[in-house]
Amino acid sequence: MRERDYGQYCGLARALDVVGDRWALLIVRDLLSGPHRFGELQAGLPRIPSNVLTNRLKELEEAGVVERVVRPAPGRGTAYRLTTDGYALEETLVALGRWGAPRLGDPREGEIVTAESFAMALRTTFRPDTAGDVDATTPVTYEVHLGDLVTHAIVTGDRVTAGTGPATKADLIIRSGPEIKQVMAGEITPTQALRAGTVTIEGSRRLWTRFARTFRT
């Protein structure tokens, strides 16, 4: 029996053998946005000790969740990316994120928002039932700026793909700060946010209203 084995012949126990250790799922969360170098992962998880990140990546590699790749020029170097098995965890992470969202409350002292964590928020707040009126063959691309952080979401029918960085071509660009949470929580309307100046947009108000309806906590 392995040292950290739960001793249970159970699919959940086996999954926890692989991704149940501290930081493991947050590493997977960040890699959902694409390949990251070691330093990029560490920057997005500033409280993780270097040795713990090294160990978690090694364990995830051995489990077939993560693999190493060589980035092409100009960003040459080794990076980590999810395997097919790794990406299969997305649905689980989204479900956990939805479960945890109502428990967020106000930010605790020292808590930060990263581009990867907000990309995850876009996945967890996505409401496919309200997005279903979008033509499944015509994607709608949103680019969201939270201060210096940039994320994007592409909605195609009742599916969403979220990631970090600017979109190749955005249908709507949203600029805000923490106040965007009020819109996504339904505490204020999209129109009220624009009038208050807490949100500015480049694109149609119709798409801004659709964004607020599609991404709701």
C-alpha atoms as a PDB file:
ATOM      1  CA  MET A   1       0.000   0.000   0.000  1.00  0.00           C
ATOM      2  CA  ARG A   2       1.308   3.461  -0.933  1.00  0.00           C
ATOM      3  CA  GLU A   3       2.276   5.788   1.908  1.00  0.00           C
ATOM      4  CA  ARG A   4      -0.613   8.166   1.232  1.00  0.00           C
ATOM      5  CA  ASP A   5      -3.067   5.563  -0.011  1.00  0.00           C
ATOM      6  CA  TYR A   6      -6.565   5.838   1.499  1.00  0.00           C
ATOM      7  CA  GLY A   7      -6.926   2.078   1.567  1.00  0.00           C
ATOM      8  CA  GLN A   8     -10.289   2.358  -0.190  1.00  0.00           C
ATOM      9  CA  TYR A   9     -11.267   0.592  -3.408  1.00  0.00           C
ATOM     10  CA  CYS A  10     -13.270   3.599  -4.573  1.00  0.00           C
ATOM     11  CA  GLY A  11     -13.083   5.875  -7.606  1.00  0.00           C
ATOM     12  CA  LEU A  12     -13.215   9.009  -5.449  1.00  0.00           C
ATOM     13  CA  ALA A  13     -10.424   7.746  -3.212  1.00  0.00           C
ATOM     14  CA  ARG A  14      -8.332   6.947  -6.282  1.00  0.00           C
ATOM     15  CA  ALA A  15      -8.931  10.441  -7.669  1.00  0.00           C
ATOM     16  CA  LEU A  16      -7.882  11.980  -4.358  1.00  0.00           C
ATOM     17  CA  ASP A  17      -4.708   9.893  -4.471  1.00  0.00           C
ATOM     18  CA  VAL A  18      -3.835  11.886  -7.602  1.00  0.00           C
ATOM     19  CA  VAL A  19      -5.210  15.404  -7.048  1.00  0.00           C
ATOM     20  CA  GLY A  20      -6.194  15.491  -3.385  1.00  0.00           C
ATOM     21  CA  ASP A  21      -3.014  17.056  -2.039  1.00  0.00           C
ATOM     22  CA  ARG A  22      -2.862  20.784  -1.254  1.00  0.00           C
ATOM     23  CA  TRP A  23      -2.354  23.020  -4.328  1.00  0.00           C
ATOM     24  CA  ALA A  24      -2.852  20.216  -6.865  1.00  0.00           C
ATOM     25  CA  LEU A  25      -6.264  21.338  -8.122  1.00  0.00           C
ATOM     26  CA  LEU A  26      -5.206  24.989  -8.255  1.00  0.00           C
ATOM     27  CA  ILE A  27      -2.295  23.978 -10.480  1.00  0.00           C
ATOM     28  CA  VAL A  28      -4.776  22.178 -12.719  1.00  0.00           C
ATOM     29  CA  ARG A  29      -7.031  25.258 -12.640  1.00  0.00           C
ATOM     30  CA  ASP A  30      -4.250  27.495 -13.889  1.00  0.00           C
ATOM     31  CA  LEU A  31      -3.207  25.046 -16.595  1.00  0.00           C
ATOM     32  CA  LEU A  32      -6.768  25.009 -17.944  1.00  0.00           C
ATOM     33  CA  SER A  33      -5.847  28.390 -19.457  1.00  0.00           C
ATOM     34  CA  GLY A  34      -2.939  26.851 -21.375  1.00  0.00           C
ATOM     35  CA  PRO A  35       0.722  25.874 -20.878  1.00  0.00           C
ATOM     36  CA  HIS A  36       2.621  27.636 -18.080  1.00  0.00           C
ATOM     37  CA  ARG A  37       6.272  27.757 -17.175  1.00  0.00           C
ATOM     38  CA  PHE A  38       7.285  26.958 -13.623  1.00  0.00           C
ATOM     39  CA  GLY A  39       7.771  30.637 -12.828  1.00  0.00           C
ATOM     40  CA  GLU A  40       4.384  31.544 -14.278  1.00  0.00           C
ATOM     41  CA  LEU A  41       2.693  28.945 -12.121  1.00  0.00           C
ATOM     42  CA  GLN A  42       4.542  30.220  -9.080  1.00  0.00           C
ATOM     43  CA  ALA A  43       3.583  33.822  -9.851  1.00  0.00           C
ATOM     44  CA  GLY A  44      -0.085  32.837 -10.058  1.00  0.00           C
ATOM     45  CA  LEU A  45       0.168  30.895  -6.781  1.00  0.00           C
ATOM     46  CA  PRO A  46       2.386  33.235  -4.750  1.00  0.00           C
ATOM     47  CA  ARG A  47       1.984  31.352  -1.477  1.00  0.00           C
ATOM     48  CA  ILE A  48       3.142  27.983  -2.803  1.00  0.00           C
ATOM     49  CA  PRO A  49       6.692  27.057  -1.750  1.00  0.00           C
ATOM     50  CA  SER A  50       8.992  26.198  -4.657  1.00  0.00           C
ATOM     51  CA  ASN A  51       9.629  22.688  -3.380  1.00  0.00           C
ATOM     52  CA  VAL A  52       5.901  21.996  -3.042  1.00  0.00           C
ATOM     53  CA  LEU A  53       5.244  23.198  -6.599  1.00  0.00           C
ATOM     54  CA  THR A  54       8.095  21.008  -7.835  1.00  0.00           C
ATOM     55  CA  ASN A  55       6.702  17.982  -6.008  1.00  0.00           C
ATOM     56  CA  ARG A  56       3.124  18.549  -7.137  1.00  0.00           C
ATOM     57  CA  LEU A  57       4.158  18.906 -10.770  1.00  0.00           C
ATOM     58  CA  LYS A  58       6.228  15.732 -10.528  1.00  0.00           C
ATOM     59  CA  GLU A  59       3.298  13.837  -8.999  1.00  0.00           C
ATOM     60  CA  LEU A  60       0.865  15.147 -11.607  1.00  0.00           C
ATOM     61  CA  GLU A  61       3.284  14.187 -14.372  1.00  0.00           C
ATOM     62  CA  GLU A  62       3.657  10.678 -12.993  1.00  0.00           C
ATOM     63  CA  ALA A  63      -0.141  10.376 -12.812  1.00  0.00           C
ATOM     64  CA  GLY A  64      -0.523  11.422 -16.460  1.00  0.00           C
ATOM     65  CA  VAL A  65      -2.369  14.643 -15.617  1.00  0.00           C
ATOM     66  CA  VAL A  66       0.397  17.040 -16.680  1.00  0.00           C
ATOM     67  CA  GLU A  67       3.142  16.811 -19.287  1.00  0.00           C
ATOM     68  CA  ARG A  68       6.150  18.933 -20.214  1.00  0.00           C
ATOM     69  CA  VAL A  69       6.335  20.694 -23.566  1.00  0.00           C
ATOM     70  CA  VAL A  70       8.862  22.959 -25.251  1.00  0.00           C
ATOM     71  CA  ARG A  71       7.452  26.335 -26.142  1.00  0.00           C
ATOM     72  CA  PRO A  72       8.186  27.626 -29.632  1.00  0.00           C
ATOM     73  CA  ALA A  73       9.962  30.932 -30.237  1.00  0.00           C
ATOM     74  CA  PRO A  74       9.903  33.625 -29.034  1.00  0.00           C
ATOM     75  CA  GLY A  75       8.953  32.186 -25.635  1.00  0.00           C
ATOM     76  CA  ARG A  76      11.297  29.217 -25.772  1.00  0.00           C
ATOM     77  CA  GLY A  77      11.678  27.011 -22.742  1.00  0.00           C
ATOM     78  CA  THR A  78       9.995  24.168 -20.934  1.00  0.00           C
ATOM     79  CA  ALA A  79       6.392  24.584 -19.903  1.00  0.00           C
ATOM     80  CA  TYR A  80       3.732  22.392 -18.342  1.00  0.00           C
ATOM     81  CA  ARG A  81       0.376  21.628 -19.894  1.00  0.00           C
ATOM     82  CA  LEU A  82      -2.574  19.381 -19.154  1.00  0.00           C
ATOM     83  CA  THR A  83      -2.921  16.050 -20.859  1.00  0.00           C
ATOM     84  CA  THR A  84      -6.267  14.774 -22.118  1.00  0.00           C
ATOM     85  CA  ASP A  85      -6.798  13.230 -18.673  1.00  0.00           C
ATOM     86  CA  GLY A  86      -5.925  16.573 -17.110  1.00  0.00           C
ATOM     87  CA  TYR A  87      -8.474  18.475 -19.180  1.00  0.00           C
ATOM     88  CA  ALA A  88     -11.056  15.871 -18.176  1.00  0.00           C
ATOM     89  CA  LEU A  89     -10.923  17.433 -14.688  1.00  0.00           C
ATOM     90  CA  GLU A  90     -12.436  20.701 -15.946  1.00  0.00           C
ATOM     91  CA  GLU A  91     -16.034  19.668 -15.288  1.00  0.00           C
ATOM     92  CA  THR A  92     -15.111  18.656 -11.731  1.00  0.00           C
ATOM     93  CA  LEU A  93     -13.318  21.943 -11.075  1.00  0.00           C
ATOM     94  CA  VAL A  94     -16.243  23.940 -12.454  1.00  0.00           C
ATOM     95  CA  ALA A  95     -18.637  22.057 -10.164  1.00  0.00           C
ATOM     96  CA  LEU A  96     -16.386  22.665  -7.144  1.00  0.00           C
ATOM     97  CA  GLY A  97     -16.075  26.333  -8.073  1.00  0.00           C
ATOM     98  CA  ARG A  98     -19.846  26.713  -8.269  1.00  0.00           C
ATOM     99  CA  TRP A  99     -20.194  25.003  -4.906  1.00  0.00           C
ATOM    100  CA  GLY A 100     -17.610  27.313  -3.366  1.00  0.00           C
ATOM    101  CA  ALA A 101     -18.772  30.595  -4.936  1.00  0.00           C
ATOM    102  CA  PRO A 102     -21.651  31.232  -2.479  1.00  0.00           C
ATOM    103  CA  ARG A 103     -19.151  30.796   0.360  1.00  0.00           C
ATOM    104  CA  LEU A 104     -16.751  33.496  -0.861  1.00  0.00           C
ATOM    105  CA  GLY A 105     -18.086  36.479   1.062  1.00  0.00           C
ATOM    106  CA  ASP A 106     -15.762  39.484   1.086  1.00  0.00           C
ATOM    107  CA  PRO A 107     -12.083  38.942   0.255  1.00  0.00           C
ATOM    108  CA  ARG A 108      -9.985  37.924   3.246  1.00  0.00           C
ATOM    109  CA  GLU A 109      -6.879  39.913   4.088  1.00  0.00           C
ATOM    110  CA  GLY A 110      -4.124  39.137   1.625  1.00  0.00           C
ATOM    111  CA  GLU A 111      -6.350  37.315  -0.873  1.00  0.00           C
ATOM    112  CA  ILE A 112      -5.712  38.167  -4.509  1.00  0.00           C
ATOM    113  CA  VAL A 113      -7.414  37.676  -7.842  1.00  0.00           C
ATOM    114  CA  THR A 114      -5.316  36.367 -10.714  1.00  0.00           C
ATOM    115  CA  ALA A 115      -6.123  36.171 -14.398  1.00  0.00           C
ATOM    116  CA  GLU A 116      -6.361  32.384 -14.055  1.00  0.00           C
ATOM    117  CA  SER A 117      -8.712  32.576 -11.074  1.00  0.00           C
ATOM    118  CA  PHE A 118     -11.009  35.016 -12.901  1.00  0.00           C
ATOM    119  CA  ALA A 119     -10.970  32.806 -15.991  1.00  0.00           C
ATOM    120  CA  MET A 120     -12.140  30.040 -13.659  1.00  0.00           C
ATOM    121  CA  ALA A 121     -14.838  32.371 -12.350  1.00  0.00           C
ATOM    122  CA  LEU A 122     -16.059  32.857 -15.917  1.00  0.00           C
ATOM    123  CA  ARG A 123     -16.319  29.079 -16.283  1.00  0.00           C
ATOM    124  CA  THR A 124     -18.132  28.592 -12.976  1.00  0.00           C
ATOM    125  CA  THR A 125     -20.605  31.472 -13.406  1.00  0.00           C
ATOM    126  CA  PHE A 126     -21.466  30.557 -17.001  1.00  0.00           C
ATOM    127  CA  ARG A 127     -25.167  29.779 -17.387  1.00  0.00           C
ATOM    128  CA  PRO A 128     -25.719  27.662 -20.474  1.00  0.00           C
ATOM    129  CA  ASP A 129     -29.495  27.940 -20.128  1.00  0.00           C
ATOM    130  CA  THR A 130     -29.345  31.691 -20.737  1.00  0.00           C
ATOM    131  CA  ALA A 131     -26.659  31.406 -23.414  1.00  0.00           C
ATOM    132  CA  GLY A 132     -28.655  28.941 -25.464  1.00  0.00           C
ATOM    133  CA  ASP A 133     -30.281  31.697 -27.505  1.00  0.00           C
ATOM    134  CA  VAL A 134     -26.885  32.417 -29.086  1.00  0.00           C
ATOM    135  CA  ASP A 135     -26.458  30.848 -32.513  1.00  0.00           C
ATOM    136  CA  ALA A 136     -24.398  27.721 -31.890  1.00  0.00           C
ATOM    137  CA  THR A 137     -22.434  28.364 -35.078  1.00  0.00           C
ATOM    138  CA  THR A 138     -21.617  32.011 -34.305  1.00  0.00           C
ATOM    139  CA  PRO A 139     -19.315  32.467 -31.294  1.00  0.00           C
ATOM    140  CA  VAL A 140     -19.545  35.596 -29.153  1.00  0.00           C
ATOM    141  CA  THR A 141     -16.199  36.663 -27.703  1.00  0.00           C
ATOM    142  CA  TYR A 142     -15.875  38.754 -24.554  1.00  0.00           C
ATOM    143  CA  GLU A 143     -12.621  40.319 -23.357  1.00  0.00           C
ATOM    144  CA  VAL A 144     -12.602  41.361 -19.709  1.00  0.00           C
ATOM    145  CA  HIS A 145     -10.054  43.726 -18.152  1.00  0.00           C
ATOM    146  CA  LEU A 146      -9.852  43.811 -14.356  1.00  0.00           C
ATOM    147  CA  GLY A 147      -7.247  46.458 -13.778  1.00  0.00           C
ATOM    148  CA  ASP A 148      -4.077  44.972 -15.282  1.00  0.00           C
ATOM    149  CA  LEU A 149      -5.574  41.479 -15.567  1.00  0.00           C
ATOM    150  CA  VAL A 150      -6.978  40.395 -18.916  1.00  0.00           C
ATOM    151  CA  THR A 151      -9.163  37.368 -19.556  1.00  0.00           C
ATOM    152  CA  HIS A 152     -11.534  36.307 -22.296  1.00  0.00           C
ATOM    153  CA  ALA A 153     -14.505  34.037 -22.812  1.00  0.00           C
ATOM    154  CA  ILE A 154     -15.869  32.610 -26.051  1.00  0.00           C
ATOM    155  CA  VAL A 155     -19.508  31.541 -25.943  1.00  0.00           C
ATOM    156  CA  THR A 156     -20.701  29.183 -28.654  1.00  0.00           C
ATOM    157  CA  GLY A 157     -24.266  28.090 -28.130  1.00  0.00           C
ATOM    158  CA  ASP A 158     -24.440  26.600 -24.645  1.00  0.00           C
ATOM    159  CA  ARG A 159     -20.668  26.152 -24.258  1.00  0.00           C
ATOM    160  CA  VAL A 160     -17.945  28.479 -23.020  1.00  0.00           C
ATOM    161  CA  THR A 161     -14.178  28.501 -23.432  1.00  0.00           C
ATOM    162  CA  ALA A 162     -12.375  30.821 -21.018  1.00  0.00           C
ATOM    163  CA  GLY A 163      -8.713  31.758 -20.875  1.00  0.00           C
ATOM    164  CA  THR A 164      -6.207  34.410 -19.915  1.00  0.00           C
ATOM    165  CA  GLY A 165      -4.912  37.229 -22.080  1.00  0.00           C
ATOM    166  CA  PRO A 166      -6.690  39.232 -24.757  1.00  0.00           C
ATOM    167  CA  ALA A 167      -8.983  37.650 -27.304  1.00  0.00           C
ATOM    168  CA  THR A 168      -7.914  37.381 -30.925  1.00  0.00           C
ATOM    169  CA  LYS A 169     -10.975  39.375 -31.913  1.00  0.00           C
ATOM    170  CA  ALA A 170     -13.420  40.538 -29.251  1.00  0.00           C
ATOM    171  CA  ASP A 171     -17.068  41.350 -29.878  1.00  0.00           C
ATOM    172  CA  LEU A 172     -17.201  43.182 -26.549  1.00  0.00           C
ATOM    173  CA  ILE A 173     -14.404  44.577 -24.362  1.00  0.00           C
ATOM    174  CA  ILE A 174     -15.275  45.153 -20.715  1.00  0.00           C
ATOM    175  CA  ARG A 175     -13.136  47.223 -18.348  1.00  0.00           C
ATOM    176  CA  SER A 176     -13.827  47.195 -14.640  1.00  0.00           C
ATOM    177  CA  GLY A 177     -12.428  46.400 -11.231  1.00  0.00           C
ATOM    178  CA  PRO A 178     -13.802  44.367  -8.329  1.00  0.00           C
ATOM    179  CA  GLU A 179     -17.135  46.116  -8.940  1.00  0.00           C
ATOM    180  CA  ILE A 180     -17.903  43.723 -11.794  1.00  0.00           C
ATOM    181  CA  LYS A 181     -18.759  41.200  -9.085  1.00  0.00           C
ATOM    182  CA  GLN A 182     -21.826  43.319  -8.246  1.00  0.00           C
ATOM    183  CA  VAL A 183     -23.102  42.952 -11.800  1.00  0.00           C
ATOM    184  CA  MET A 184     -22.377  39.231 -11.953  1.00  0.00           C
ATOM    185  CA  ALA A 185     -24.105  38.758  -8.596  1.00  0.00           C
ATOM    186  CA  GLY A 186     -27.173  40.676  -9.787  1.00  0.00           C
ATOM    187  CA  GLU A 187     -26.703  43.344  -7.116  1.00  0.00           C
ATOM    188  CA  ILE A 188     -26.775  46.124  -9.721  1.00  0.00           C
ATOM    189  CA  THR A 189     -27.922  46.112 -13.320  1.00  0.00           C
ATOM    190  CA  PRO A 190     -25.584  46.424 -16.295  1.00  0.00           C
ATOM    191  CA  THR A 191     -27.074  49.862 -17.007  1.00  0.00           C
ATOM    192  CA  GLN A 192     -26.464  51.038 -13.443  1.00  0.00           C
ATOM    193  CA  ALA A 193     -22.835  49.918 -13.642  1.00  0.00           C
ATOM    194  CA  LEU A 194     -22.307  51.933 -16.831  1.00  0.00           C
ATOM    195  CA  ARG A 195     -23.989  54.995 -15.376  1.00  0.00           C
ATOM    196  CA  ALA A 196     -21.884  54.784 -12.222  1.00  0.00           C
ATOM    197  CA  GLY A 197     -18.727  54.484 -14.309  1.00  0.00           C
ATOM    198  CA  THR A 198     -17.607  51.313 -12.511  1.00  0.00           C
ATOM    199  CA  VAL A 199     -17.721  49.517 -15.856  1.00  0.00           C
ATOM    200  CA  THR A 200     -16.869  50.786 -19.323  1.00  0.00           C
ATOM    201  CA  ILE A 201     -17.370  48.869 -22.539  1.00  0.00           C
ATOM    202  CA  GLU A 202     -16.235  48.854 -26.137  1.00  0.00           C
ATOM    203  CA  GLY A 203     -19.050  47.326 -28.119  1.00  0.00           C
ATOM    204  CA  SER A 204     -22.816  47.170 -27.942  1.00  0.00           C
ATOM    205  CA  ARG A 205     -24.862  47.525 -24.777  1.00  0.00           C
ATOM    206  CA  ARG A 206     -26.902  44.571 -25.970  1.00  0.00           C
ATOM    207  CA  LEU A 207     -23.848  42.327 -25.646  1.00  0.00           C
ATOM    208  CA  TRP A 208     -23.029  43.817 -22.235  1.00  0.00           C
ATOM    209  CA  THR A 209     -26.549  42.973 -21.061  1.00  0.00           C
ATOM    210  CA  ARG A 210     -26.144  39.477 -22.499  1.00  0.00           C
ATOM    211  CA  PHE A 211     -22.808  39.075 -20.682  1.00  0.00           C
ATOM    212  CA  ALA A 212     -24.426  39.986 -17.356  1.00  0.00           C
ATOM    213  CA  ARG A 213     -27.219  37.498 -17.999  1.00  0.00           C
ATOM    214  CA  THR A 214     -24.875  34.720 -19.139  1.00  0.00           C
ATOM    215  CA  PHE A 215     -22.270  34.993 -16.356  1.00  0.00           C
ATOM    216  CA  ARG A 216     -24.123  35.062 -13.025  1.00  0.00           C
ATOM    217  CA  THR A 217     -23.187  33.896  -9.550  1.00  0.00           C
END
